[in-house]
Amino acid sequence: MPRRTDIQKILLIGSGPIVIGQGAEFDYSGTQAAKALREEGYTVVLVNSNPATIMTDPEFADRTYVEPVTADVVEQVIERERPDALLPTMGGQTALNVALTLADSGVLEKYGVELIGADARAIRLAEDRELFADAMRRIGQRVATGGIARTWDDAIALIPIVSFPAIIRPSFTLGGTGGGVAYNREEYEDIVRRGLDLSPTSQVLIERSLLGWKEYELEVMRDHADNVVIVCSIENIDPMGVHTGDSITVAPALTLTDREYQTMRDAAVAIIREIGVEAGGCNIQFAVNPVDG
């Protein structure tokens, strides 16, 4: 893709402190993004609350704000710096949530700031469990049986559908914080209520368990001209039920059949296009039935 000449100053949101669910990979990717953008001649403004990361060293951005990564603070930076664009995809869940808040509140429109890499629709589709499941069904991809609960009454109604064990995942939380596996009614209520409390949208996805299935990931990149590249395949040594962050992974995947890999590859291309990642990468995870593939 040729260099865009209609934007000159780009605001980059960092991920803040390294915590469980939002690891050092965002520091690395954000630092590389800042370097690449400056090499292309763009002015880079950085907001990151982590003074210990190399990203906040003076040579990586033209202006660096070591401030809390919140919507209020970023709005003040936007008002002062007047960037042409905001890049939210290099700061993990923190940056995505802040960018979405700024878009929804009208701040980006007020100051004429364009979201690049992923727009508000793409962020919402990827982070909102219900919207994501609907998007997958639109393109013919299978998702686990289940539904969305916004209240405890909703969750009770889903028990006959998903049975136990049940997988519970809140929307818009770091690394799936607040989620878990419920093996009985007591655990179910505890995890659901915690997830509803922690989710900024008071929304949890409750699905039938796929514990024991094989887990794979594809790293996928797409550009503005709709070119899609599969960077690599990743295999989790542990089966579904062990969080990716707690598992050992191997790249490239070692036990996929060619048919399974091609099916995942085609699905990944369709998914990144449907979600709408316009420039950048995403991680797409798959569960494969070990019995029949």
Protein backbone atom coordinates (compact mmCIF):
# COMPACT_ATOMS: atom_id res chain seq x y z
CA MET A 1 0.00 0.00 0.00
CA PRO A 2 1.31 3.50 -0.81
CA ARG A 3 1.85 6.01 1.97
CA ARG A 4 -1.24 8.05 2.84
CA THR A 5 -0.66 11.75 2.28
CA ASP A 6 -3.97 13.01 3.70
CA ILE A 7 -2.85 12.52 7.30
CA GLN A 8 0.28 13.92 8.95
CA LYS A 9 -0.05 13.46 12.72
CA ILE A 10 -1.04 10.13 14.31
CA LEU A 11 -1.97 9.51 17.93
CA LEU A 12 -0.85 6.12 19.21
CA ILE A 13 -2.42 4.72 22.40
CA GLY A 14 -0.23 2.38 24.41
CA SER A 15 -1.46 -0.44 26.65
CA GLY A 16 -0.25 0.93 29.97
CA PRO A 17 1.22 -1.46 32.58
CA ILE A 18 1.91 -5.04 31.62
CA VAL A 19 -0.75 -7.13 33.36
CA ILE A 20 -2.18 -10.63 33.02
CA GLY A 21 -4.31 -10.65 29.88
CA GLN A 22 -2.41 -7.81 28.27
CA GLY A 23 1.20 -8.78 27.96
CA ALA A 24 4.45 -7.42 26.62
CA GLU A 25 3.52 -8.13 22.99
CA PHE A 26 1.64 -4.83 22.89
CA ASP A 27 4.70 -2.93 24.09
CA TYR A 28 6.67 -4.55 21.29
CA SER A 29 4.08 -3.96 18.57
CA GLY A 30 3.41 -0.40 19.71
CA THR A 31 7.11 0.43 19.71
CA GLN A 32 7.54 -1.02 16.22
CA ALA A 33 4.48 0.89 15.01
CA ALA A 34 5.87 4.18 16.31
CA LYS A 35 9.21 3.53 14.61
CA ALA A 36 7.59 2.56 11.32
CA LEU A 37 5.27 5.58 11.26
CA ARG A 38 8.10 8.02 11.95
CA GLU A 39 10.23 6.39 9.25
CA GLU A 40 7.36 7.11 6.85
CA GLY A 41 7.47 10.78 7.83
CA TYR A 42 4.45 10.94 10.12
CA THR A 43 4.42 12.88 13.38
CA VAL A 44 3.69 10.44 16.20
CA VAL A 45 2.04 11.39 19.48
CA LEU A 46 2.05 8.68 22.16
CA VAL A 47 -0.10 8.24 25.27
CA ASN A 48 1.10 5.49 27.62
CA SER A 49 1.03 5.32 31.40
CA ASN A 50 3.95 2.90 31.66
CA PRO A 51 7.26 4.74 32.16
CA ALA A 52 9.13 1.41 32.33
CA THR A 53 8.51 0.46 28.71
CA ILE A 54 10.97 1.33 25.97
CA MET A 55 8.02 2.76 24.04
CA THR A 56 8.04 5.88 26.20
CA ASP A 57 11.74 6.57 25.55
CA PRO A 58 12.09 9.98 23.84
CA GLU A 59 13.34 8.63 20.51
CA PHE A 60 10.22 6.63 19.67
CA ALA A 61 7.63 9.40 19.40
CA ASP A 62 7.65 13.11 18.63
CA ARG A 63 5.51 13.84 21.69
CA THR A 64 5.06 11.42 24.60
CA TYR A 65 2.45 11.72 27.34
CA VAL A 66 3.08 9.45 30.33
CA GLU A 67 -0.46 9.78 31.61
CA PRO A 68 -3.32 7.42 32.54
CA VAL A 69 -4.75 5.70 29.47
CA THR A 70 -8.34 6.85 29.94
CA ALA A 71 -10.85 8.48 27.62
CA ASP A 72 -10.73 11.76 29.54
CA VAL A 73 -6.94 12.03 29.36
CA VAL A 74 -6.77 11.02 25.70
CA GLU A 75 -9.44 13.60 24.87
CA GLN A 76 -7.27 16.30 26.47
CA VAL A 77 -4.30 15.13 24.40
CA ILE A 78 -6.43 15.23 21.25
CA GLU A 79 -7.60 18.75 22.07
CA ARG A 80 -4.01 19.89 22.52
CA GLU A 81 -2.26 17.98 19.73
CA ARG A 82 -5.05 17.86 17.10
CA PRO A 83 -3.95 14.60 15.43
CA ASP A 84 -5.38 13.61 12.07
CA ALA A 85 -5.75 9.96 13.05
CA LEU A 86 -5.83 7.64 16.05
CA LEU A 87 -4.25 4.16 15.95
CA PRO A 88 -5.91 2.01 18.67
CA THR A 89 -4.85 -1.49 17.68
CA MET A 90 -1.37 -1.43 19.26
CA GLY A 91 -2.50 -0.96 22.86
CA GLY A 92 -4.48 -4.08 23.58
CA GLN A 93 -7.89 -4.10 25.23
CA THR A 94 -7.17 -0.83 27.05
CA ALA A 95 -6.60 1.16 23.86
CA LEU A 96 -9.54 -0.44 22.07
CA ASN A 97 -11.94 0.40 24.90
CA VAL A 98 -10.70 3.98 25.08
CA ALA A 99 -10.98 4.44 21.32
CA LEU A 100 -14.52 3.07 21.30
CA THR A 101 -15.53 5.40 24.14
CA LEU A 102 -14.09 8.39 22.27
CA ALA A 103 -15.93 7.38 19.10
CA ASP A 104 -19.25 6.80 20.86
CA SER A 105 -19.07 10.06 22.80
CA GLY A 106 -18.45 12.10 19.65
CA VAL A 107 -14.95 13.25 20.62
CA LEU A 108 -13.29 11.90 17.48
CA GLU A 109 -15.91 13.48 15.25
CA LYS A 110 -15.65 16.78 17.13
CA TYR A 111 -11.93 17.07 16.48
CA GLY A 112 -11.94 15.40 13.06
CA VAL A 113 -9.86 12.39 14.13
CA GLU A 114 -10.01 9.25 12.00
CA LEU A 115 -9.68 5.77 13.50
CA ILE A 116 -7.13 3.84 11.46
CA GLY A 117 -6.25 0.15 11.54
CA ALA A 118 -9.73 -0.71 12.81
CA ASP A 119 -12.76 1.55 12.92
CA ALA A 120 -15.44 1.63 15.64
CA ARG A 121 -17.53 -1.00 13.86
CA ALA A 122 -14.63 -3.43 13.67
CA ILE A 123 -13.74 -2.94 17.33
CA ARG A 124 -17.34 -3.44 18.38
CA LEU A 125 -17.76 -6.56 16.25
CA ALA A 126 -14.60 -8.11 17.65
CA GLU A 127 -15.28 -7.26 21.31
CA ASP A 128 -19.06 -7.59 21.63
CA ARG A 129 -19.73 -11.31 22.06
CA GLU A 130 -23.24 -11.18 20.62
CA LEU A 131 -22.31 -9.11 17.57
CA PHE A 132 -19.32 -11.37 16.90
CA ALA A 133 -21.43 -14.54 17.04
CA ASP A 134 -23.98 -12.97 14.69
CA ALA A 135 -21.18 -11.98 12.30
CA MET A 136 -19.80 -15.52 12.27
CA ARG A 137 -23.21 -16.97 11.45
CA ARG A 138 -23.62 -14.48 8.59
CA ILE A 139 -20.53 -15.85 6.89
CA GLY A 140 -21.36 -19.48 7.62
CA GLN A 141 -18.90 -20.10 10.44
CA ARG A 142 -19.91 -22.40 13.28
CA VAL A 143 -19.85 -21.16 16.87
CA ALA A 144 -20.51 -23.04 20.07
CA THR A 145 -24.15 -23.41 21.14
CA GLY A 146 -25.13 -20.74 23.65
CA GLY A 147 -26.36 -17.22 24.04
CA ILE A 148 -25.91 -13.80 25.62
CA ALA A 149 -26.97 -12.96 29.17
CA ARG A 150 -27.39 -9.39 30.38
CA THR A 151 -29.10 -10.33 33.63
CA TRP A 152 -29.13 -13.29 35.99
CA ASP A 153 -32.59 -14.21 34.68
CA ASP A 154 -31.14 -14.40 31.15
CA ALA A 155 -28.43 -16.70 32.45
CA ILE A 156 -30.91 -19.02 34.14
CA ALA A 157 -32.82 -19.39 30.87
CA LEU A 158 -29.62 -20.55 29.11
CA ILE A 159 -28.88 -23.43 31.50
CA PRO A 160 -31.07 -25.99 29.65
CA ILE A 161 -29.43 -24.97 26.37
CA VAL A 162 -25.77 -25.15 27.39
CA SER A 163 -25.91 -27.58 30.37
CA PHE A 164 -22.77 -28.12 32.50
CA PRO A 165 -19.91 -27.58 32.23
CA ALA A 166 -20.61 -24.13 30.74
CA ILE A 167 -18.12 -21.61 29.37
CA ILE A 168 -18.75 -18.03 30.55
CA ARG A 169 -16.99 -15.05 28.98
CA PRO A 170 -17.69 -11.35 29.63
CA SER A 171 -17.44 -8.74 26.86
CA PHE A 172 -14.80 -6.00 26.75
CA THR A 173 -12.56 -7.28 29.56
CA LEU A 174 -8.79 -7.75 29.64
CA GLY A 175 -7.83 -11.28 28.64
CA GLY A 176 -11.29 -12.59 29.44
CA THR A 177 -11.14 -11.36 33.05
CA GLY A 178 -14.23 -12.49 34.94
CA GLY A 179 -14.84 -15.55 32.79
CA GLY A 180 -14.51 -19.21 33.63
CA VAL A 181 -15.88 -22.72 33.46
CA ALA A 182 -18.89 -23.62 35.60
CA TYR A 183 -19.40 -27.28 36.50
CA ASN A 184 -22.51 -26.79 38.65
CA ARG A 185 -25.26 -24.27 39.50
CA GLU A 186 -23.29 -22.67 42.35
CA GLU A 187 -20.20 -22.03 40.22
CA TYR A 188 -22.44 -20.87 37.37
CA GLU A 189 -24.10 -18.18 39.46
CA ASP A 190 -20.80 -17.01 40.93
CA ILE A 191 -19.05 -16.64 37.54
CA VAL A 192 -22.05 -15.12 35.75
CA ARG A 193 -22.64 -12.48 38.42
CA ARG A 194 -18.93 -11.61 38.50
CA GLY A 195 -18.80 -11.42 34.71
CA LEU A 196 -21.84 -9.16 34.50
CA ASP A 197 -20.27 -6.88 37.10
CA LEU A 198 -16.88 -6.69 35.36
CA SER A 199 -18.14 -6.28 31.79
CA PRO A 200 -18.46 -2.59 30.85
CA THR A 201 -21.55 -3.53 28.82
CA SER A 202 -22.97 -5.91 31.48
CA GLN A 203 -22.87 -8.74 28.98
CA VAL A 204 -21.60 -12.31 29.19
CA LEU A 205 -21.48 -15.01 26.55
CA ILE A 206 -22.51 -18.42 27.87
CA GLU A 207 -21.68 -21.41 25.68
CA ARG A 208 -21.77 -25.18 25.73
CA SER A 209 -18.39 -26.55 26.77
CA LEU A 210 -15.80 -27.59 24.18
CA LEU A 211 -13.40 -28.83 26.85
CA GLY A 212 -10.91 -31.31 25.44
CA TRP A 213 -11.10 -30.08 21.85
CA LYS A 214 -7.83 -29.14 20.15
CA GLU A 215 -7.08 -25.40 20.05
CA TYR A 216 -5.35 -23.60 17.19
CA GLU A 217 -4.72 -19.99 16.23
CA LEU A 218 -3.92 -18.17 13.02
CA GLU A 219 -2.15 -14.82 12.93
CA VAL A 220 -3.71 -12.91 10.04
CA MET A 221 -2.93 -9.56 8.42
CA ARG A 222 -5.01 -7.45 6.02
CA ASP A 223 -4.35 -4.16 4.24
CA HIS A 224 -6.63 -1.44 2.89
CA ALA A 225 -6.60 -3.04 -0.57
CA ASP A 226 -8.07 -6.25 0.91
CA ASN A 227 -4.88 -8.28 0.60
CA VAL A 228 -4.89 -10.95 3.33
CA VAL A 229 -1.84 -12.84 4.56
CA ILE A 230 -1.73 -15.79 6.97
CA VAL A 231 1.41 -15.02 8.96
CA CYS A 232 1.59 -18.32 10.81
CA SER A 233 -0.38 -21.10 12.47
CA ILE A 234 -0.11 -21.75 16.21
CA GLU A 235 -0.98 -24.91 18.11
CA ASN A 236 -1.84 -24.95 21.80
CA ILE A 237 -0.26 -27.98 23.44
CA ASP A 238 -3.05 -28.00 26.03
CA PRO A 239 -6.63 -28.62 24.88
CA MET A 240 -9.59 -26.27 25.18
CA GLY A 241 -10.21 -25.46 28.83
CA VAL A 242 -6.67 -24.22 29.49
CA HIS A 243 -6.43 -20.50 28.74
CA THR A 244 -4.06 -19.66 25.89
CA GLY A 245 -2.08 -17.43 28.23
CA ASP A 246 -1.47 -20.39 30.55
CA SER A 247 -0.71 -22.89 27.79
CA ILE A 248 2.44 -23.76 25.86
CA THR A 249 2.10 -22.95 22.17
CA VAL A 250 4.05 -24.11 19.15
CA ALA A 251 4.39 -22.35 15.80
CA PRO A 252 3.82 -23.56 13.19
CA ALA A 253 1.08 -26.01 14.16
CA LEU A 254 2.31 -29.61 14.07
CA THR A 255 -0.73 -31.89 14.12
CA LEU A 256 -3.18 -30.23 11.71
CA THR A 257 -4.15 -32.17 8.63
CA ASP A 258 -3.95 -30.26 5.37
CA ARG A 259 -7.74 -30.31 5.09
CA GLU A 260 -8.14 -28.83 8.58
CA TYR A 261 -5.53 -26.16 7.87
CA GLN A 262 -7.12 -25.11 4.58
CA THR A 263 -10.55 -24.96 6.24
CA MET A 264 -9.14 -22.73 8.99
CA ARG A 265 -7.27 -20.61 6.44
CA ASP A 266 -10.41 -19.96 4.38
CA ALA A 267 -12.37 -19.21 7.55
CA ALA A 268 -9.73 -16.77 8.80
CA VAL A 269 -9.76 -14.80 5.54
CA ALA A 270 -13.56 -14.56 5.66
CA ILE A 271 -13.52 -13.56 9.33
CA ILE A 272 -10.99 -10.73 9.06
CA ARG A 273 -12.92 -9.32 6.10
CA GLU A 274 -16.27 -9.56 7.89
CA ILE A 275 -14.93 -7.94 11.07
CA GLY A 276 -13.43 -5.19 8.97
CA VAL A 277 -9.79 -4.94 10.08
CA GLU A 278 -8.59 -2.46 7.46
CA ALA A 279 -4.87 -2.36 8.12
CA GLY A 280 -3.12 -4.58 10.59
CA GLY A 281 -3.27 -7.97 12.16
CA CYS A 282 -5.49 -10.07 14.37
CA ASN A 283 -5.36 -13.38 16.16
CA ILE A 284 -8.15 -15.83 15.27
CA GLN A 285 -8.66 -18.89 17.46
CA PHE A 286 -10.25 -22.17 16.42
CA ALA A 287 -11.47 -25.27 18.24
CA VAL A 288 -11.16 -28.57 16.38
CA ASN A 289 -13.00 -31.73 17.40
CA PRO A 290 -10.24 -34.32 17.96
CA VAL A 291 -12.56 -37.15 16.91
CA ASP A 292 -13.70 -36.03 13.46
CA GLY A 293 -11.81 -32.78 12.78
